[in-house]
C-alpha atoms as a PDB file:
ATOM      1  CA  UNK A   1      -0.085   0.167   0.143  1.00  0.00           C
ATOM      2  CA  UNK A   2       1.170   3.432  -0.925  1.00  0.00           C
ATOM      3  CA  UNK A   3       1.927   5.450   1.744  1.00  0.00           C
ATOM      4  CA  UNK A   4       0.865   9.352   2.183  1.00  0.00           C
ATOM      5  CA  UNK A   5       2.230  12.429   4.382  1.00  0.00           C
ATOM      6  CA  UNK A   6       0.611  15.141   4.442  1.00  0.00           C
ATOM      7  CA  UNK A   7       2.405  18.382   5.607  1.00  0.00           C
ATOM      8  CA  UNK A   8       2.020  22.323   5.893  1.00  0.00           C
ATOM      9  CA  UNK A   9       4.800  24.505   5.805  1.00  0.00           C
ATOM     10  CA  UNK A  10       5.545  28.245   5.749  1.00  0.00           C
ATOM     11  CA  UNK A  11       8.268  29.562   3.674  1.00  0.00           C
ATOM     12  CA  UNK A  12       9.096  33.866   4.901  1.00  0.00           C
ATOM     13  CA  UNK A  13       9.208  36.385   1.650  1.00  0.00           C
ATOM     14  CA  UNK A  14      12.739  38.439   1.871  1.00  0.00           C
ATOM     15  CA  UNK A  15      10.448  41.326   2.456  1.00  0.00           C
ATOM     16  CA  UNK A  16       6.340  41.785   2.347  1.00  0.00           C
ATOM     17  CA  UNK A  17       5.526  41.067  -1.200  1.00  0.00           C
ATOM     18  CA  UNK A  18       2.112  43.185  -1.788  1.00  0.00           C
ATOM     19  CA  UNK A  19      -0.382  42.970  -5.278  1.00  0.00           C
ATOM     20  CA  UNK A  20      -3.696  44.511  -5.479  1.00  0.00           C
ATOM     21  CA  UNK A  21      -5.436  44.157  -1.963  1.00  0.00           C
ATOM     22  CA  UNK A  22      -3.117  41.822  -0.951  1.00  0.00           C
ATOM     23  CA  UNK A  23       0.303  41.287   0.771  1.00  0.00           C
ATOM     24  CA  UNK A  24       2.302  38.577   1.065  1.00  0.00           C
ATOM     25  CA  UNK A  25       4.760  37.704   4.307  1.00  0.00           C
ATOM     26  CA  UNK A  26       5.529  34.428   3.943  1.00  0.00           C
ATOM     27  CA  UNK A  27       4.439  31.367   1.339  1.00  0.00           C
ATOM     28  CA  UNK A  28       2.127  29.113   2.987  1.00  0.00           C
ATOM     29  CA  UNK A  29       1.618  25.721   1.257  1.00  0.00           C
ATOM     30  CA  UNK A  30       0.778  22.164   1.679  1.00  0.00           C
ATOM     31  CA  UNK A  31       3.338  19.718   0.381  1.00  0.00           C
ATOM     32  CA  UNK A  32       2.160  15.844  -0.865  1.00  0.00           C
ATOM     33  CA  UNK A  33       4.887  13.278  -0.366  1.00  0.00           C
ATOM     34  CA  UNK A  34       3.486   9.567  -1.804  1.00  0.00           C
ATOM     35  CA  UNK A  35       5.847   6.575  -1.009  1.00  0.00           C
ATOM     36  CA  UNK A  36       5.608   3.361  -3.025  1.00  0.00           C
ATOM     37  CA  UNK A  37       8.244   0.344  -3.831  1.00  0.00           C
ATOM     38  CA  UNK A  38      11.092   2.860  -2.258  1.00  0.00           C
ATOM     39  CA  UNK A  39      10.540   5.344  -4.731  1.00  0.00           C
ATOM     40  CA  UNK A  40       9.330   8.601  -3.322  1.00  0.00           C
ATOM     41  CA  UNK A  41       6.905  11.621  -5.228  1.00  0.00           C
ATOM     42  CA  UNK A  42       6.372  14.792  -3.820  1.00  0.00           C
ATOM     43  CA  UNK A  43       4.137  18.120  -4.512  1.00  0.00           C
ATOM     44  CA  UNK A  44       3.832  21.651  -3.409  1.00  0.00           C
ATOM     45  CA  UNK A  45       0.810  23.683  -3.927  1.00  0.00           C
ATOM     46  CA  UNK A  46      -0.565  27.258  -2.394  1.00  0.00           C
ATOM     47  CA  UNK A  47      -4.095  27.155  -3.282  1.00  0.00           C
ATOM     48  CA  UNK A  48      -5.721  29.877  -4.653  1.00  0.00           C
ATOM     49  CA  UNK A  49      -6.258  32.652  -2.391  1.00  0.00           C
ATOM     50  CA  UNK A  50      -8.804  34.577  -4.291  1.00  0.00           C
ATOM     51  CA  UNK A  51     -10.784  31.869  -3.970  1.00  0.00           C
ATOM     52  CA  UNK A  52     -10.783  31.611  -0.480  1.00  0.00           C
ATOM     53  CA  UNK A  53      -8.296  28.555   0.011  1.00  0.00           C
ATOM     54  CA  UNK A  54      -5.974  28.808   2.357  1.00  0.00           C
ATOM     55  CA  UNK A  55      -2.997  26.416   3.146  1.00  0.00           C
ATOM     56  CA  UNK A  56      -5.359  24.647   5.879  1.00  0.00           C
ATOM     57  CA  UNK A  57      -8.484  24.221   3.248  1.00  0.00           C
ATOM     58  CA  UNK A  58      -6.504  22.629   0.878  1.00  0.00           C
ATOM     59  CA  UNK A  59      -4.912  20.279   3.558  1.00  0.00           C
ATOM     60  CA  UNK A  60      -8.408  19.332   4.457  1.00  0.00           C
ATOM     61  CA  UNK A  61      -9.481  18.459   0.915  1.00  0.00           C
ATOM     62  CA  UNK A  62      -6.388  16.362   0.802  1.00  0.00           C
ATOM     63  CA  UNK A  63      -7.567  14.416   3.763  1.00  0.00           C
ATOM     64  CA  UNK A  64     -10.504  13.693   2.740  1.00  0.00           C
ATOM     65  CA  UNK A  65      -8.977  11.481  -0.205  1.00  0.00           C
ATOM     66  CA  UNK A  66      -6.088  10.004   1.834  1.00  0.00           C
ATOM     67  CA  UNK A  67      -7.429   6.689   1.692  1.00  0.00           C
ATOM     68  CA  UNK A  68      -8.231   6.428  -2.321  1.00  0.00           C
ATOM     69  CA  UNK A  69      -4.349   7.920  -2.388  1.00  0.00           C
ATOM     70  CA  UNK A  70      -3.287   4.710  -0.595  1.00  0.00           C
ATOM     71  CA  UNK A  71      -4.982   2.640  -2.011  1.00  0.00           C
ATOM     72  CA  UNK A  72      -2.960   3.965  -5.167  1.00  0.00           C
ATOM     73  CA  UNK A  73      -5.165   5.944  -7.206  1.00  0.00           C
ATOM     74  CA  UNK A  74      -4.004   7.442 -10.411  1.00  0.00           C
ATOM     75  CA  UNK A  75      -4.111  10.916 -12.444  1.00  0.00           C
ATOM     76  CA  UNK A  76      -7.514  10.153 -13.717  1.00  0.00           C
ATOM     77  CA  UNK A  77      -9.355   9.080 -10.927  1.00  0.00           C
ATOM     78  CA  UNK A  78      -7.730  12.068  -8.769  1.00  0.00           C
ATOM     79  CA  UNK A  79      -9.545  14.693 -11.358  1.00  0.00           C
ATOM     80  CA  UNK A  80     -12.768  13.253 -10.420  1.00  0.00           C
ATOM     81  CA  UNK A  81     -12.412  12.926  -6.839  1.00  0.00           C
ATOM     82  CA  UNK A  82     -10.995  16.734  -6.121  1.00  0.00           C
ATOM     83  CA  UNK A  83     -11.996  20.386  -8.279  1.00  0.00           C
ATOM     84  CA  UNK A  84      -9.423  22.071  -9.325  1.00  0.00           C
ATOM     85  CA  UNK A  85      -7.300  23.820  -7.009  1.00  0.00           C
ATOM     86  CA  UNK A  86      -4.395  23.492  -4.314  1.00  0.00           C
ATOM     87  CA  UNK A  87      -5.423  20.243  -3.022  1.00  0.00           C
ATOM     88  CA  UNK A  88      -5.708  18.681  -6.627  1.00  0.00           C
ATOM     89  CA  UNK A  89      -2.262  20.288  -7.525  1.00  0.00           C
ATOM     90  CA  UNK A  90      -0.395  18.935  -4.311  1.00  0.00           C
ATOM     91  CA  UNK A  91      -1.498  15.452  -5.433  1.00  0.00           C
ATOM     92  CA  UNK A  92      -0.982  15.570  -8.985  1.00  0.00           C
ATOM     93  CA  UNK A  93       2.396  16.999  -9.148  1.00  0.00           C
ATOM     94  CA  UNK A  94       3.375  14.429  -6.536  1.00  0.00           C
ATOM     95  CA  UNK A  95       1.613  11.678  -8.637  1.00  0.00           C
ATOM     96  CA  UNK A  96       3.737  12.760 -11.534  1.00  0.00           C
ATOM     97  CA  UNK A  97       7.144  12.478  -9.337  1.00  0.00           C
ATOM     98  CA  UNK A  98       6.388   9.269  -8.273  1.00  0.00           C
ATOM     99  CA  UNK A  99       5.569   8.097 -11.772  1.00  0.00           C
ATOM    100  CA  UNK A 100       8.514   9.166 -12.808  1.00  0.00           C
ATOM    101  CA  UNK A 101      11.024   7.872 -10.010  1.00  0.00           C
ATOM    102  CA  UNK A 102       9.217   3.987 -10.227  1.00  0.00           C
ATOM    103  CA  UNK A 103       9.568   4.367 -13.914  1.00  0.00           C
ATOM    104  CA  UNK A 104      13.113   5.141 -13.764  1.00  0.00           C
ATOM    105  CA  UNK A 105      12.235   8.144 -16.402  1.00  0.00           C
ATOM    106  CA  UNK A 106      12.490  11.351 -15.752  1.00  0.00           C
ATOM    107  CA  UNK A 107       9.033  13.725 -16.396  1.00  0.00           C
ATOM    108  CA  UNK A 108      10.487  15.142 -19.889  1.00  0.00           C
ATOM    109  CA  UNK A 109      10.506  11.412 -21.223  1.00  0.00           C
ATOM    110  CA  UNK A 110       6.464  11.089 -19.737  1.00  0.00           C
ATOM    111  CA  UNK A 111       5.456  14.432 -20.992  1.00  0.00           C
ATOM    112  CA  UNK A 112       7.743  14.195 -24.723  1.00  0.00           C
ATOM    113  CA  UNK A 113       8.513  17.419 -24.250  1.00  0.00           C
ATOM    114  CA  UNK A 114      12.492  18.762 -24.438  1.00  0.00           C
ATOM    115  CA  UNK A 115      13.553  20.703 -21.749  1.00  0.00           C
ATOM    116  CA  UNK A 116      15.545  24.083 -22.131  1.00  0.00           C
ATOM    117  CA  UNK A 117      16.861  26.191 -19.531  1.00  0.00           C
ATOM    118  CA  UNK A 118      14.012  29.373 -19.487  1.00  0.00           C
ATOM    119  CA  UNK A 119      14.352  33.022 -18.920  1.00  0.00           C
ATOM    120  CA  UNK A 120      11.799  34.298 -16.034  1.00  0.00           C
ATOM    121  CA  UNK A 121      10.356  37.780 -15.527  1.00  0.00           C
ATOM    122  CA  UNK A 122      11.235  38.900 -12.235  1.00  0.00           C
ATOM    123  CA  UNK A 123       8.916  41.046 -10.183  1.00  0.00           C
ATOM    124  CA  UNK A 124       7.986  44.666  -8.820  1.00  0.00           C
ATOM    125  CA  UNK A 125       5.758  44.713  -6.087  1.00  0.00           C
ATOM    126  CA  UNK A 126       3.223  47.596  -5.858  1.00  0.00           C
ATOM    127  CA  UNK A 127       4.158  50.273  -3.832  1.00  0.00           C
ATOM    128  CA  UNK A 128       5.298  54.080  -4.012  1.00  0.00           C
ATOM    129  CA  UNK A 129       6.824  54.895  -7.348  1.00  0.00           C
ATOM    130  CA  UNK A 130      10.522  56.019  -5.710  1.00  0.00           C
ATOM    131  CA  UNK A 131      10.299  52.047  -3.999  1.00  0.00           C
ATOM    132  CA  UNK A 132       9.547  50.237  -7.121  1.00  0.00           C
ATOM    133  CA  UNK A 133      12.378  51.855  -9.121  1.00  0.00           C
ATOM    134  CA  UNK A 134      14.629  50.859  -7.062  1.00  0.00           C
ATOM    135  CA  UNK A 135      13.820  47.090  -6.722  1.00  0.00           C
ATOM    136  CA  UNK A 136      13.576  47.182 -10.415  1.00  0.00           C
ATOM    137  CA  UNK A 137      17.076  48.445 -10.531  1.00  0.00           C
ATOM    138  CA  UNK A 138      18.135  45.877  -7.998  1.00  0.00           C
ATOM    139  CA  UNK A 139      17.060  43.155 -10.630  1.00  0.00           C
ATOM    140  CA  UNK A 140      19.356  41.335 -13.061  1.00  0.00           C
ATOM    141  CA  UNK A 141      16.957  40.162 -15.759  1.00  0.00           C
ATOM    142  CA  UNK A 142      16.219  41.847 -18.951  1.00  0.00           C
ATOM    143  CA  UNK A 143      12.208  41.066 -18.464  1.00  0.00           C
ATOM    144  CA  UNK A 144      10.342  43.032 -15.253  1.00  0.00           C
ATOM    145  CA  UNK A 145       7.002  42.181 -14.377  1.00  0.00           C
ATOM    146  CA  UNK A 146       5.100  45.414 -12.729  1.00  0.00           C
ATOM    147  CA  UNK A 147       2.582  44.906 -10.094  1.00  0.00           C
ATOM    148  CA  UNK A 148      -0.012  47.863 -10.192  1.00  0.00           C
ATOM    149  CA  UNK A 149      -3.184  48.973  -8.771  1.00  0.00           C
ATOM    150  CA  UNK A 150      -5.614  51.689  -9.337  1.00  0.00           C
ATOM    151  CA  UNK A 151      -3.262  54.278  -7.340  1.00  0.00           C
ATOM    152  CA  UNK A 152      -0.499  55.694  -9.646  1.00  0.00           C
ATOM    153  CA  UNK A 153      -0.380  53.188 -12.120  1.00  0.00           C
ATOM    154  CA  UNK A 154       1.075  55.735 -14.845  1.00  0.00           C
ATOM    155  CA  UNK A 155       3.308  57.242 -12.365  1.00  0.00           C
ATOM    156  CA  UNK A 156       4.811  54.021 -11.359  1.00  0.00           C
ATOM    157  CA  UNK A 157       5.324  52.293 -14.414  1.00  0.00           C
ATOM    158  CA  UNK A 158       7.130  55.529 -15.681  1.00  0.00           C
ATOM    159  CA  UNK A 159       9.466  55.352 -12.125  1.00  0.00           C
ATOM    160  CA  UNK A 160      10.291  51.745 -13.291  1.00  0.00           C
ATOM    161  CA  UNK A 161      10.358  52.759 -17.128  1.00  0.00           C
ATOM    162  CA  UNK A 162      12.820  55.096 -16.113  1.00  0.00           C
ATOM    163  CA  UNK A 163      15.009  53.187 -13.850  1.00  0.00           C
ATOM    164  CA  UNK A 164      15.379  49.874 -16.062  1.00  0.00           C
ATOM    165  CA  UNK A 165      14.557  51.364 -20.233  1.00  0.00           C
ATOM    166  CA  UNK A 166      16.666  48.587 -20.899  1.00  0.00           C
ATOM    167  CA  UNK A 167      14.337  45.576 -19.516  1.00  0.00           C
ATOM    168  CA  UNK A 168      11.142  44.539 -21.560  1.00  0.00           C
ATOM    169  CA  UNK A 169       8.261  45.103 -19.345  1.00  0.00           C
ATOM    170  CA  UNK A 170       4.790  43.136 -18.312  1.00  0.00           C
ATOM    171  CA  UNK A 171       2.380  44.419 -15.960  1.00  0.00           C
ATOM    172  CA  UNK A 172       0.062  42.899 -13.946  1.00  0.00           C
ATOM    173  CA  UNK A 173      -3.228  44.775 -12.340  1.00  0.00           C
ATOM    174  CA  UNK A 174      -4.676  41.684 -10.527  1.00  0.00           C
ATOM    175  CA  UNK A 175      -8.197  42.787 -11.317  1.00  0.00           C
ATOM    176  CA  UNK A 176      -7.159  46.491  -9.964  1.00  0.00           C
ATOM    177  CA  UNK A 177      -8.365  48.694 -12.745  1.00  0.00           C
ATOM    178  CA  UNK A 178     -12.031  49.596 -14.525  1.00  0.00           C
ATOM    179  CA  UNK A 179     -11.974  49.187 -17.940  1.00  0.00           C
ATOM    180  CA  UNK A 180     -12.068  53.449 -18.451  1.00  0.00           C
ATOM    181  CA  UNK A 181      -8.730  53.357 -16.703  1.00  0.00           C
ATOM    182  CA  UNK A 182      -7.424  50.508 -19.283  1.00  0.00           C
ATOM    183  CA  UNK A 183      -8.761  52.163 -21.934  1.00  0.00           C
ATOM    184  CA  UNK A 184      -7.112  55.809 -20.852  1.00  0.00           C
ATOM    185  CA  UNK A 185      -3.436  53.829 -19.685  1.00  0.00           C
ATOM    186  CA  UNK A 186      -2.988  51.357 -22.359  1.00  0.00           C
ATOM    187  CA  UNK A 187      -2.095  54.083 -25.089  1.00  0.00           C
ATOM    188  CA  UNK A 188       0.900  56.074 -22.727  1.00  0.00           C
ATOM    189  CA  UNK A 189       1.557  52.123 -21.081  1.00  0.00           C
ATOM    190  CA  UNK A 190       2.315  51.467 -25.329  1.00  0.00           C
ATOM    191  CA  UNK A 191       4.554  54.354 -25.583  1.00  0.00           C
ATOM    192  CA  UNK A 192       6.383  53.252 -22.562  1.00  0.00           C
ATOM    193  CA  UNK A 193       7.205  49.745 -24.379  1.00  0.00           C
ATOM    194  CA  UNK A 194       4.885  47.376 -22.063  1.00  0.00           C
ATOM    195  CA  UNK A 195       4.599  44.344 -24.376  1.00  0.00           C
ATOM    196  CA  UNK A 196       1.377  42.877 -22.023  1.00  0.00           C
ATOM    197  CA  UNK A 197      -0.882  43.126 -19.565  1.00  0.00           C
ATOM    198  CA  UNK A 198      -2.204  41.104 -17.408  1.00  0.00           C
ATOM    199  CA  UNK A 199      -5.604  41.003 -15.726  1.00  0.00           C
ATOM    200  CA  UNK A 200      -6.941  44.706 -15.573  1.00  0.00           C
ATOM    201  CA  UNK A 201     -10.352  44.125 -14.857  1.00  0.00           C
ATOM    202  CA  UNK A 202     -12.070  41.797 -11.820  1.00  0.00           C
ATOM    203  CA  UNK A 203     -12.903  38.375 -12.277  1.00  0.00           C
ATOM    204  CA  UNK A 204     -16.311  38.057 -13.467  1.00  0.00           C
ATOM    205  CA  UNK A 205     -16.504  41.758 -14.432  1.00  0.00           C
ATOM    206  CA  UNK A 206     -14.606  42.176 -17.655  1.00  0.00           C
ATOM    207  CA  UNK A 207     -17.471  41.783 -20.677  1.00  0.00           C
ATOM    208  CA  UNK A 208     -16.618  44.642 -22.048  1.00  0.00           C
ATOM    209  CA  UNK A 209     -12.906  43.342 -23.350  1.00  0.00           C
ATOM    210  CA  UNK A 210     -14.796  41.314 -25.711  1.00  0.00           C
ATOM    211  CA  UNK A 211     -15.971  44.875 -27.721  1.00  0.00           C
ATOM    212  CA  UNK A 212     -12.385  46.275 -26.861  1.00  0.00           C
ATOM    213  CA  UNK A 213      -9.462  46.507 -29.551  1.00  0.00           C
ATOM    214  CA  UNK A 214      -6.331  46.789 -26.877  1.00  0.00           C
ATOM    215  CA  UNK A 215      -3.469  48.388 -28.451  1.00  0.00           C
ATOM    216  CA  UNK A 216      -1.573  45.964 -26.152  1.00  0.00           C
ATOM    217  CA  UNK A 217      -1.768  42.511 -25.875  1.00  0.00           C
ATOM    218  CA  UNK A 218      -4.194  41.633 -23.089  1.00  0.00           C
ATOM    219  CA  UNK A 219      -3.950  38.085 -20.721  1.00  0.00           C
ATOM    220  CA  UNK A 220      -6.614  36.413 -18.582  1.00  0.00           C
ATOM    221  CA  UNK A 221      -5.217  35.226 -14.809  1.00  0.00           C
ATOM    222  CA  UNK A 222      -7.908  35.267 -12.668  1.00  0.00           C
ATOM    223  CA  UNK A 223     -10.520  34.734 -15.482  1.00  0.00           C
ATOM    224  CA  UNK A 224      -9.336  31.531 -17.158  1.00  0.00           C
ATOM    225  CA  UNK A 225      -9.014  29.164 -13.856  1.00  0.00           C
ATOM    226  CA  UNK A 226      -8.688  26.169 -16.600  1.00  0.00           C
ATOM    227  CA  UNK A 227     -10.027  24.676 -19.517  1.00  0.00           C
ATOM    228  CA  UNK A 228     -13.800  25.142 -18.711  1.00  0.00           C
ATOM    229  CA  UNK A 229     -13.216  28.841 -18.699  1.00  0.00           C
ATOM    230  CA  UNK A 230     -10.826  29.073 -21.787  1.00  0.00           C
ATOM    231  CA  UNK A 231     -13.917  29.904 -24.528  1.00  0.00           C
ATOM    232  CA  UNK A 232     -15.435  32.850 -22.877  1.00  0.00           C
ATOM    233  CA  UNK A 233     -11.506  34.201 -22.237  1.00  0.00           C
ATOM    234  CA  UNK A 234     -10.247  33.444 -25.607  1.00  0.00           C
ATOM    235  CA  UNK A 235     -13.588  36.271 -26.098  1.00  0.00           C
ATOM    236  CA  UNK A 236     -11.651  38.678 -24.037  1.00  0.00           C
ATOM    237  CA  UNK A 237      -8.287  37.973 -24.163  1.00  0.00           C
ATOM    238  CA  UNK A 238      -5.025  36.873 -26.517  1.00  0.00           C
ATOM    239  CA  UNK A 239      -3.013  35.798 -23.924  1.00  0.00           C
ATOM    240  CA  UNK A 240      -3.699  33.062 -20.619  1.00  0.00           C
ATOM    241  CA  UNK A 241      -1.498  32.765 -17.684  1.00  0.00           C
ATOM    242  CA  UNK A 242      -1.441  28.907 -16.898  1.00  0.00           C
ATOM    243  CA  UNK A 243      -0.873  28.468 -13.254  1.00  0.00           C
ATOM    244  CA  UNK A 244      -0.737  25.057 -11.833  1.00  0.00           C
ATOM    245  CA  UNK A 245      -2.820  25.860  -8.439  1.00  0.00           C
ATOM    246  CA  UNK A 246      -5.598  27.006 -10.684  1.00  0.00           C
ATOM    247  CA  UNK A 247      -5.989  24.040 -13.289  1.00  0.00           C
ATOM    248  CA  UNK A 248      -5.342  21.422 -10.128  1.00  0.00           C
ATOM    249  CA  UNK A 249      -1.657  20.692 -11.410  1.00  0.00           C
ATOM    250  CA  UNK A 250       0.021  19.490 -14.190  1.00  0.00           C
ATOM    251  CA  UNK A 251      -2.165  17.066 -16.154  1.00  0.00           C
ATOM    252  CA  UNK A 252      -4.922  19.900 -16.421  1.00  0.00           C
ATOM    253  CA  UNK A 253      -2.436  22.185 -17.134  1.00  0.00           C
ATOM    254  CA  UNK A 254      -1.100  20.614 -20.243  1.00  0.00           C
ATOM    255  CA  UNK A 255      -4.722  20.114 -21.357  1.00  0.00           C
ATOM    256  CA  UNK A 256      -5.149  24.277 -21.002  1.00  0.00           C
ATOM    257  CA  UNK A 257      -1.794  24.688 -22.787  1.00  0.00           C
ATOM    258  CA  UNK A 258      -2.592  22.596 -25.979  1.00  0.00           C
ATOM    259  CA  UNK A 259      -6.760  23.682 -26.251  1.00  0.00           C
ATOM    260  CA  UNK A 260      -5.419  27.531 -25.723  1.00  0.00           C
ATOM    261  CA  UNK A 261      -2.735  27.374 -28.876  1.00  0.00           C
ATOM    262  CA  UNK A 262      -5.798  25.692 -30.807  1.00  0.00           C
ATOM    263  CA  UNK A 263      -7.506  28.979 -30.268  1.00  0.00           C
ATOM    264  CA  UNK A 264      -4.372  31.239 -30.795  1.00  0.00           C
ATOM    265  CA  UNK A 265      -3.621  31.981 -27.697  1.00  0.00           C
ATOM    266  CA  UNK A 266      -0.357  33.223 -26.513  1.00  0.00           C
ATOM    267  CA  UNK A 267       0.614  31.436 -23.360  1.00  0.00           C
ATOM    268  CA  UNK A 268       2.304  32.497 -20.065  1.00  0.00           C
ATOM    269  CA  UNK A 269       2.733  30.068 -16.955  1.00  0.00           C
ATOM    270  CA  UNK A 270       2.682  31.642 -13.611  1.00  0.00           C
ATOM    271  CA  UNK A 271       3.222  31.039  -9.654  1.00  0.00           C
ATOM    272  CA  UNK A 272       0.885  31.891  -6.773  1.00  0.00           C
ATOM    273  CA  UNK A 273       4.374  31.797  -4.509  1.00  0.00           C
ATOM    274  CA  UNK A 274       6.524  29.139  -3.369  1.00  0.00           C
ATOM    275  CA  UNK A 275       9.545  26.983  -3.413  1.00  0.00           C
ATOM    276  CA  UNK A 276      11.185  25.304  -6.264  1.00  0.00           C
ATOM    277  CA  UNK A 277       9.083  22.536  -5.581  1.00  0.00           C
ATOM    278  CA  UNK A 278       6.309  24.459  -7.038  1.00  0.00           C
ATOM    279  CA  UNK A 279       8.145  25.717  -9.555  1.00  0.00           C
ATOM    280  CA  UNK A 280       9.517  22.374 -11.238  1.00  0.00           C
ATOM    281  CA  UNK A 281       6.021  20.401 -12.802  1.00  0.00           C
ATOM    282  CA  UNK A 282       5.147  24.558 -13.802  1.00  0.00           C
ATOM    283  CA  UNK A 283       9.241  24.161 -15.562  1.00  0.00           C
ATOM    284  CA  UNK A 284       7.222  21.851 -18.281  1.00  0.00           C
ATOM    285  CA  UNK A 285       4.406  23.936 -19.394  1.00  0.00           C
ATOM    286  CA  UNK A 286       6.852  27.142 -19.312  1.00  0.00           C
ATOM    287  CA  UNK A 287       8.350  25.118 -22.519  1.00  0.00           C
ATOM    288  CA  UNK A 288       5.216  25.974 -24.464  1.00  0.00           C
ATOM    289  CA  UNK A 289       4.932  29.608 -23.320  1.00  0.00           C
ATOM    290  CA  UNK A 290       5.907  32.659 -24.655  1.00  0.00           C
ATOM    291  CA  UNK A 291       6.318  34.425 -20.911  1.00  0.00           C
ATOM    292  CA  UNK A 292       7.281  33.141 -18.227  1.00  0.00           C
ATOM    293  CA  UNK A 293       7.066  33.945 -14.551  1.00  0.00           C
ATOM    294  CA  UNK A 294       8.518  31.387 -11.930  1.00  0.00           C
ATOM    295  CA  UNK A 295      10.595  33.856  -9.520  1.00  0.00           C
ATOM    296  CA  UNK A 296       8.246  32.428  -6.648  1.00  0.00           C
ATOM    297  CA  UNK A 297      11.666  31.322  -4.544  1.00  0.00           C
ATOM    298  CA  UNK A 298      13.804  34.723  -5.886  1.00  0.00           C
ATOM    299  CA  UNK A 299      11.286  36.352  -3.423  1.00  0.00           C
ATOM    300  CA  UNK A 300      11.564  33.849  -0.690  1.00  0.00           C
ATOM    301  CA  UNK A 301      14.244  34.112   1.958  1.00  0.00           C
ATOM    302  CA  UNK A 302      15.009  30.280   1.348  1.00  0.00           C
ATOM    303  CA  UNK A 303      14.350  27.416  -0.954  1.00  0.00           C
ATOM    304  CA  UNK A 304      14.491  23.762  -0.827  1.00  0.00           C
ATOM    305  CA  UNK A 305      17.379  21.675  -1.167  1.00  0.00           C
ATOM    306  CA  UNK A 306      18.278  21.007  -4.717  1.00  0.00           C
ATOM    307  CA  UNK A 307      16.255  23.696  -5.449  1.00  0.00           C
ATOM    308  CA  UNK A 308      16.642  25.283  -9.041  1.00  0.00           C
ATOM    309  CA  UNK A 309      18.896  28.465  -9.315  1.00  0.00           C
ATOM    310  CA  UNK A 310      18.210  31.798 -10.399  1.00  0.00           C
ATOM    311  CA  UNK A 311      20.576  34.458 -12.495  1.00  0.00           C
ATOM    312  CA  UNK A 312      19.877  37.119 -14.560  1.00  0.00           C
ATOM    313  CA  UNK A 313      16.547  35.598 -15.116  1.00  0.00           C
ATOM    314  CA  UNK A 314      17.708  32.374 -16.352  1.00  0.00           C
ATOM    315  CA  UNK A 315      16.276  29.771 -14.225  1.00  0.00           C
ATOM    316  CA  UNK A 316      18.306  26.215 -14.183  1.00  0.00           C
ATOM    317  CA  UNK A 317      16.558  22.967 -15.309  1.00  0.00           C
ATOM    318  CA  UNK A 318      15.286  21.482 -12.450  1.00  0.00           C
ATOM    319  CA  UNK A 319      17.309  18.127 -10.961  1.00  0.00           C
ATOM    320  CA  UNK A 320      15.410  15.059 -10.423  1.00  0.00           C
ATOM    321  CA  UNK A 321      15.768  14.924  -6.590  1.00  0.00           C
ATOM    322  CA  UNK A 322      13.841  17.730  -6.173  1.00  0.00           C
ATOM    323  CA  UNK A 323      10.982  16.491  -8.762  1.00  0.00           C
ATOM    324  CA  UNK A 324      10.452  14.866 -12.139  1.00  0.00           C
END
């Protein structure tokens, strides 16, 4: 019988990380460890905070199916037992890792995806313009994601641009604007070289985008959790940000990537803040994406043993001792 361990962990951030209406001082995660025939598979998830998931709530979900996990359910069976979200993500990724370890293959063999090193954005959290510029100067990457809300968005972006005119900039609003703000700001942001704006309007209140021709590509994050929401999102956005906590794991994330590409949408992979154990499965999805946001461990005070390396924005391929 398979052994199952469910554990909550807390990983402090370097400093408070602020986005629209939320500040993170730690990554509180669920770690699932599955042991079978001497092989060990692990997965990590934070949950989807804006859907009121917490590490504690996803732990309870995982505990509800602990007996089935012990009996050896696979990823397909898992999808019928839990909805998309953090609990299913941690378990799904642990099952991928376990399958790789039991088979003696890597996740790259299992998915038939060729791994290459990727370039992630590094993130500037919400703050006053001067502080955001100071953060941007410290980043050793050619791509920067700027978190903005409704407070001085243009001044904040101008400060970051002045500090880092060499960098490609994407903007993430985390549902923080009105449609009128979007219409007014996009032409000015385009002049500053912004290449993408992520989730400008609130989830469930973005229907006006269906008749809007944005001068900058728009990317759905909160407005596209998984494949069930893809068709609607495709009418409103030009890109999809895939996050494993939203999709409920790597299995559905790969399905979402495939279907989104069929619809002609651009792809981005993101994270909900976590250690390299959470980033490693997302690294598989990153191979299919135009934009990558996997800098979660950079925002933490420390990372796991055997964690990935982040230098100049380049993220190393995960080693199999970590995952996959």
